[in-house]
Amino acid sequence: MTITYRSYLRLPELLDVQSPLSGVHDELLFITIHQASELWMKLCLHELGEARRRIAADDVAPALKMMARVSRIQAQLIQSPTSIAAWNS
């Protein structure tokens, strides 16, 4: 089987989980923003877990890069609601 972008990311399944329950236009925006935030937080936990393992193994340099990545993700998560609020202005 050939691996494609679509199959690797499981795009059909991913795009099926945004299922608004009301007829409110902005509901899809709300779902998308919050699901994306959850994925970013999952990545943070993944990075922090590996950073912890690296530090325990006295392999600090990669751990610092992972923690810097988490810091950038957190900054993005903090900035995201502010930038999206501007869309409603």
N, C-alpha and C. Protein backbone atom coordinates (compact mmCIF):
# COMPACT_ATOMS: atom_id res chain seq x y z
N MET A 1 0.84 -1.19 0.00
CA MET A 1 0.00 0.00 0.00
C MET A 1 0.89 1.25 0.00
N THR A 2 0.56 2.18 -0.85
CA THR A 2 1.29 3.44 -0.92
C THR A 2 0.80 4.38 0.16
N ILE A 3 1.74 4.97 0.87
CA ILE A 3 1.38 5.94 1.89
C ILE A 3 1.28 7.31 1.22
N THR A 4 0.15 7.95 1.40
CA THR A 4 -0.07 9.29 0.88
C THR A 4 -0.26 10.25 2.05
N TYR A 5 -0.19 11.52 1.75
CA TYR A 5 -0.44 12.55 2.76
C TYR A 5 -1.80 12.30 3.41
N ARG A 6 -2.79 12.06 2.59
CA ARG A 6 -4.16 11.85 3.05
C ARG A 6 -4.27 10.62 3.96
N SER A 7 -3.65 9.52 3.56
CA SER A 7 -3.76 8.30 4.37
C SER A 7 -2.90 8.39 5.63
N TYR A 8 -1.71 8.98 5.52
CA TYR A 8 -0.82 9.08 6.67
C TYR A 8 -1.46 9.92 7.79
N LEU A 9 -2.07 11.02 7.42
CA LEU A 9 -2.71 11.90 8.41
C LEU A 9 -4.14 11.47 8.73
N ARG A 10 -4.62 10.43 8.04
CA ARG A 10 -5.99 9.94 8.24
C ARG A 10 -6.99 11.09 8.12
N LEU A 11 -6.84 11.83 7.04
CA LEU A 11 -7.67 13.03 6.85
C LEU A 11 -9.16 12.77 6.87
N PRO A 12 -9.68 11.73 6.24
CA PRO A 12 -11.13 11.53 6.31
C PRO A 12 -11.63 11.42 7.75
N GLU A 13 -10.92 10.65 8.58
CA GLU A 13 -11.34 10.50 9.98
C GLU A 13 -11.19 11.83 10.73
N LEU A 14 -10.07 12.51 10.49
CA LEU A 14 -9.82 13.78 11.18
C LEU A 14 -10.90 14.80 10.84
N LEU A 15 -11.22 14.91 9.58
CA LEU A 15 -12.19 15.92 9.16
C LEU A 15 -13.63 15.55 9.51
N ASP A 16 -13.87 14.29 9.83
CA ASP A 16 -15.21 13.86 10.23
C ASP A 16 -15.54 14.20 11.68
N VAL A 17 -14.54 14.54 12.49
CA VAL A 17 -14.82 14.77 13.91
C VAL A 17 -15.25 16.20 14.23
N GLN A 18 -15.32 17.06 13.23
CA GLN A 18 -15.86 18.40 13.44
C GLN A 18 -17.34 18.34 13.05
N SER A 19 -18.17 18.09 14.05
CA SER A 19 -19.60 17.89 13.80
C SER A 19 -20.43 18.86 14.63
N PRO A 20 -20.69 20.05 14.08
CA PRO A 20 -21.52 21.00 14.82
C PRO A 20 -22.87 20.40 15.18
N LEU A 21 -23.35 20.76 16.36
CA LEU A 21 -24.63 20.23 16.86
C LEU A 21 -25.77 21.22 16.68
N SER A 22 -25.43 22.46 16.34
CA SER A 22 -26.47 23.48 16.17
C SER A 22 -26.33 24.09 14.78
N GLY A 23 -27.19 24.99 14.48
CA GLY A 23 -27.11 25.69 13.20
C GLY A 23 -26.33 26.98 13.29
N VAL A 24 -25.67 27.21 14.42
CA VAL A 24 -24.93 28.46 14.62
C VAL A 24 -23.69 28.45 13.72
N HIS A 25 -23.53 29.48 12.92
CA HIS A 25 -22.44 29.54 11.94
C HIS A 25 -21.06 29.38 12.58
N ASP A 26 -20.81 30.04 13.70
CA ASP A 26 -19.48 30.04 14.31
C ASP A 26 -19.16 28.78 15.11
N GLU A 27 -20.07 27.83 15.16
CA GLU A 27 -19.81 26.62 15.94
C GLU A 27 -18.64 25.82 15.36
N LEU A 28 -18.53 25.75 14.06
CA LEU A 28 -17.42 25.02 13.46
C LEU A 28 -16.09 25.69 13.80
N LEU A 29 -16.07 27.00 13.83
CA LEU A 29 -14.87 27.73 14.25
C LEU A 29 -14.49 27.35 15.68
N PHE A 30 -15.47 27.36 16.57
CA PHE A 30 -15.25 27.00 17.97
C PHE A 30 -14.67 25.58 18.09
N ILE A 31 -15.28 24.63 17.39
CA ILE A 31 -14.83 23.23 17.46
C ILE A 31 -13.41 23.11 16.92
N THR A 32 -13.15 23.73 15.79
CA THR A 32 -11.83 23.63 15.16
C THR A 32 -10.74 24.20 16.04
N ILE A 33 -10.98 25.38 16.60
CA ILE A 33 -9.98 26.01 17.47
C ILE A 33 -9.70 25.14 18.68
N HIS A 34 -10.73 24.63 19.30
CA HIS A 34 -10.53 23.86 20.53
C HIS A 34 -9.94 22.48 20.26
N GLN A 35 -10.31 21.85 19.17
CA GLN A 35 -9.68 20.57 18.84
C GLN A 35 -8.20 20.76 18.51
N ALA A 36 -7.89 21.82 17.79
CA ALA A 36 -6.48 22.10 17.47
C ALA A 36 -5.69 22.36 18.75
N SER A 37 -6.29 23.08 19.69
CA SER A 37 -5.63 23.34 20.98
C SER A 37 -5.35 22.04 21.72
N GLU A 38 -6.30 21.13 21.69
CA GLU A 38 -6.10 19.83 22.35
C GLU A 38 -4.95 19.05 21.71
N LEU A 39 -4.84 19.12 20.39
CA LEU A 39 -3.73 18.45 19.71
C LEU A 39 -2.39 19.08 20.08
N TRP A 40 -2.34 20.41 20.17
CA TRP A 40 -1.11 21.08 20.60
C TRP A 40 -0.74 20.66 22.02
N MET A 41 -1.73 20.56 22.90
CA MET A 41 -1.45 20.15 24.28
C MET A 41 -0.97 18.70 24.34
N LYS A 42 -1.52 17.86 23.49
CA LYS A 42 -1.05 16.47 23.41
C LYS A 42 0.43 16.45 23.01
N LEU A 43 0.80 17.29 22.05
CA LEU A 43 2.19 17.38 21.64
C LEU A 43 3.07 17.88 22.78
N CYS A 44 2.58 18.84 23.56
CA CYS A 44 3.34 19.33 24.72
C CYS A 44 3.63 18.19 25.68
N LEU A 45 2.64 17.38 25.99
CA LEU A 45 2.85 16.25 26.90
C LEU A 45 3.86 15.26 26.33
N HIS A 46 3.78 15.02 25.04
CA HIS A 46 4.73 14.13 24.36
C HIS A 46 6.15 14.68 24.49
N GLU A 47 6.33 15.96 24.22
CA GLU A 47 7.65 16.59 24.29
C GLU A 47 8.18 16.61 25.72
N LEU A 48 7.32 16.94 26.68
CA LEU A 48 7.77 17.00 28.07
C LEU A 48 8.14 15.62 28.60
N GLY A 49 7.40 14.60 28.19
CA GLY A 49 7.73 13.24 28.60
C GLY A 49 9.10 12.82 28.10
N GLU A 50 9.37 13.12 26.83
CA GLU A 50 10.69 12.77 26.27
C GLU A 50 11.79 13.62 26.89
N ALA A 51 11.50 14.91 27.14
CA ALA A 51 12.50 15.77 27.78
C ALA A 51 12.86 15.22 29.16
N ARG A 52 11.87 14.78 29.87
CA ARG A 52 12.11 14.19 31.20
C ARG A 52 12.99 12.95 31.10
N ARG A 53 12.71 12.10 30.13
CA ARG A 53 13.53 10.89 29.94
C ARG A 53 14.97 11.27 29.58
N ARG A 54 15.12 12.27 28.73
CA ARG A 54 16.47 12.70 28.33
C ARG A 54 17.25 13.27 29.52
N ILE A 55 16.57 14.07 30.34
CA ILE A 55 17.24 14.64 31.51
C ILE A 55 17.66 13.52 32.47
N ALA A 56 16.78 12.56 32.66
CA ALA A 56 17.10 11.42 33.54
C ALA A 56 18.30 10.64 33.01
N ALA A 57 18.48 10.64 31.69
CA ALA A 57 19.61 9.94 31.07
C ALA A 57 20.82 10.86 30.92
N ASP A 58 20.76 12.04 31.54
CA ASP A 58 21.83 13.04 31.48
C ASP A 58 22.12 13.48 30.04
N ASP A 59 21.07 13.56 29.24
CA ASP A 59 21.15 14.01 27.85
C ASP A 59 20.36 15.31 27.75
N VAL A 60 20.95 16.37 28.28
CA VAL A 60 20.21 17.61 28.53
C VAL A 60 19.97 18.45 27.27
N ALA A 61 20.92 18.49 26.35
CA ALA A 61 20.78 19.37 25.18
C ALA A 61 19.49 19.12 24.39
N PRO A 62 19.18 17.88 24.03
CA PRO A 62 17.91 17.66 23.33
C PRO A 62 16.70 18.01 24.19
N ALA A 63 16.82 17.77 25.49
CA ALA A 63 15.71 18.09 26.40
C ALA A 63 15.42 19.58 26.39
N LEU A 64 16.47 20.39 26.35
CA LEU A 64 16.27 21.84 26.31
C LEU A 64 15.57 22.27 25.02
N LYS A 65 15.90 21.63 23.91
CA LYS A 65 15.23 21.94 22.64
C LYS A 65 13.75 21.56 22.72
N MET A 66 13.47 20.43 23.34
CA MET A 66 12.07 19.99 23.48
C MET A 66 11.29 20.94 24.37
N MET A 67 11.91 21.40 25.44
CA MET A 67 11.23 22.33 26.34
C MET A 67 11.03 23.68 25.67
N ALA A 68 11.98 24.10 24.83
CA ALA A 68 11.80 25.34 24.07
C ALA A 68 10.64 25.20 23.10
N ARG A 69 10.50 24.02 22.51
CA ARG A 69 9.37 23.76 21.60
C ARG A 69 8.05 23.89 22.36
N VAL A 70 8.00 23.33 23.56
CA VAL A 70 6.79 23.43 24.39
C VAL A 70 6.49 24.89 24.71
N SER A 71 7.52 25.66 25.00
CA SER A 71 7.33 27.08 25.29
C SER A 71 6.72 27.81 24.10
N ARG A 72 7.20 27.50 22.90
CA ARG A 72 6.65 28.14 21.69
C ARG A 72 5.21 27.71 21.44
N ILE A 73 4.91 26.45 21.71
CA ILE A 73 3.54 25.97 21.56
C ILE A 73 2.62 26.69 22.54
N GLN A 74 3.08 26.83 23.78
CA GLN A 74 2.27 27.52 24.79
C GLN A 74 2.03 28.97 24.38
N ALA A 75 3.04 29.62 23.84
CA ALA A 75 2.88 31.00 23.38
C ALA A 75 1.83 31.07 22.27
N GLN A 76 1.86 30.10 21.37
CA GLN A 76 0.87 30.03 20.29
C GLN A 76 -0.53 29.83 20.86
N LEU A 77 -0.66 28.96 21.84
CA LEU A 77 -1.97 28.69 22.44
C LEU A 77 -2.51 29.93 23.15
N ILE A 78 -1.63 30.69 23.77
CA ILE A 78 -2.06 31.92 24.45
C ILE A 78 -2.46 32.97 23.42
N GLN A 79 -1.71 33.08 22.33
CA GLN A 79 -1.95 34.08 21.30
C GLN A 79 -3.19 33.77 20.47
N SER A 80 -3.48 32.51 20.25
CA SER A 80 -4.55 32.10 19.34
C SER A 80 -5.91 32.74 19.63
N PRO A 81 -6.41 32.69 20.86
CA PRO A 81 -7.73 33.31 21.10
C PRO A 81 -7.75 34.80 20.83
N THR A 82 -6.63 35.47 21.10
CA THR A 82 -6.55 36.91 20.86
C THR A 82 -6.62 37.20 19.37
N SER A 83 -5.88 36.44 18.57
CA SER A 83 -5.89 36.70 17.13
C SER A 83 -7.24 36.34 16.51
N ILE A 84 -7.87 35.32 17.02
CA ILE A 84 -9.17 34.92 16.48
C ILE A 84 -10.26 35.91 16.87
N ALA A 85 -10.14 36.50 18.05
CA ALA A 85 -11.12 37.50 18.48
C ALA A 85 -11.14 38.67 17.49
N ALA A 86 -10.00 38.96 16.89
CA ALA A 86 -9.93 40.05 15.92
C ALA A 86 -10.76 39.75 14.68
N TRP A 87 -11.01 38.48 14.38
CA TRP A 87 -11.82 38.12 13.23
C TRP A 87 -13.26 38.60 13.39
N ASN A 88 -13.69 38.75 14.62
CA ASN A 88 -15.07 39.14 14.90
C ASN A 88 -15.25 40.65 14.99
N SER A 89 -14.18 41.39 14.82
CA SER A 89 -14.26 42.85 14.94
C SER A 89 -14.81 43.48 13.69
